[in-house]
Protein backbone atom coordinates (compact mmCIF):
# COMPACT_ATOMS: atom_id res chain seq x y z
CA UNK A 1 0.29 -34.58 12.30
CA UNK A 2 -1.40 -31.85 10.30
CA UNK A 3 -2.53 -32.22 6.72
CA UNK A 4 -3.81 -29.73 4.20
CA UNK A 5 -7.56 -30.00 3.77
CA UNK A 6 -8.35 -26.83 1.80
CA UNK A 7 -6.67 -24.23 -0.35
CA UNK A 8 -7.96 -20.66 -0.19
CA UNK A 9 -7.17 -18.98 -3.49
CA UNK A 10 -7.69 -15.22 -3.31
CA UNK A 11 -6.92 -12.06 -5.26
CA UNK A 12 -7.30 -13.87 -8.59
CA UNK A 13 -6.52 -11.53 -11.46
CA UNK A 14 -8.26 -12.99 -14.50
CA UNK A 15 -6.93 -12.33 -17.99
CA UNK A 16 -10.42 -11.65 -19.30
CA UNK A 17 -12.32 -8.47 -20.00
CA UNK A 18 -16.02 -8.02 -19.21
CA UNK A 19 -16.43 -11.29 -17.32
CA UNK A 20 -17.69 -10.12 -13.95
CA UNK A 21 -18.96 -13.64 -13.21
CA UNK A 22 -15.41 -14.96 -12.67
CA UNK A 23 -14.63 -15.37 -8.96
CA UNK A 24 -11.99 -13.36 -7.17
CA UNK A 25 -11.81 -16.02 -4.47
CA UNK A 26 -12.07 -19.83 -4.63
CA UNK A 27 -12.03 -22.44 -1.86
CA UNK A 28 -10.73 -25.84 -2.99
CA UNK A 29 -11.47 -28.84 -0.77
CA UNK A 30 -8.58 -31.28 -1.12
CA UNK A 31 -9.80 -34.80 -1.89
CA UNK A 32 -8.66 -37.81 -3.91
CA UNK A 33 -9.58 -36.21 -7.24
CA UNK A 34 -7.43 -33.11 -6.78
CA UNK A 35 -4.75 -34.16 -4.27
CA UNK A 36 -2.24 -34.00 -7.15
CA UNK A 37 -2.26 -30.22 -6.67
CA UNK A 38 -0.03 -30.83 -3.63
CA UNK A 39 2.18 -33.65 -4.97
CA UNK A 40 5.27 -31.51 -5.45
CA UNK A 41 5.46 -28.27 -3.49
CA UNK A 42 7.79 -26.77 -6.10
CA UNK A 43 5.20 -27.38 -8.81
CA UNK A 44 2.11 -26.64 -6.68
CA UNK A 45 1.66 -23.09 -7.99
CA UNK A 46 1.86 -24.29 -11.59
CA UNK A 47 -0.60 -27.12 -10.91
CA UNK A 48 -3.00 -24.72 -9.21
CA UNK A 49 -2.63 -22.25 -12.08
CA UNK A 50 -3.53 -24.98 -14.58
CA UNK A 51 -6.47 -26.09 -12.41
CA UNK A 52 -7.90 -22.55 -12.27
CA UNK A 53 -7.64 -22.14 -16.04
CA UNK A 54 -9.15 -25.58 -16.71
CA UNK A 55 -11.96 -25.10 -14.19
CA UNK A 56 -13.04 -21.62 -15.33
CA UNK A 57 -11.91 -21.57 -18.95
CA UNK A 58 -9.78 -18.44 -18.67
CA UNK A 59 -6.13 -17.68 -18.00
CA UNK A 60 -5.14 -15.47 -15.11
CA UNK A 61 -2.32 -13.07 -14.28
CA UNK A 62 -1.83 -14.16 -10.67
CA UNK A 63 -3.35 -15.18 -7.36
CA UNK A 64 -2.56 -15.70 -3.68
CA UNK A 65 -2.99 -19.02 -1.91
CA UNK A 66 -3.33 -20.04 1.72
CA UNK A 67 -3.45 -23.60 3.09
CA UNK A 68 -5.98 -24.68 5.70
CA UNK A 69 -4.70 -27.47 7.94
CA UNK A 70 -6.46 -30.09 10.06
CA UNK A 71 -5.04 -32.43 12.65
CA UNK A 72 -5.37 -35.96 11.26
CA UNK A 73 -5.08 -37.55 14.72
CA UNK A 74 -1.61 -39.05 14.28
């Protein structure tokens, strides 16, 4: 069975002017502290949106996300 081990967040459009230090791409390793981002697939985009804003201190206008899977041996 495959499980999600990373989220690749790309094309982030930050709602901030003159902050060139904000990333346009973020790789999130899924672990126990942030697994809640995947709890409910219908709410995953909202949870990820909140995480980005909390982590970087700015709102955004959108992003793309891709899941990276790994075979867990089951």
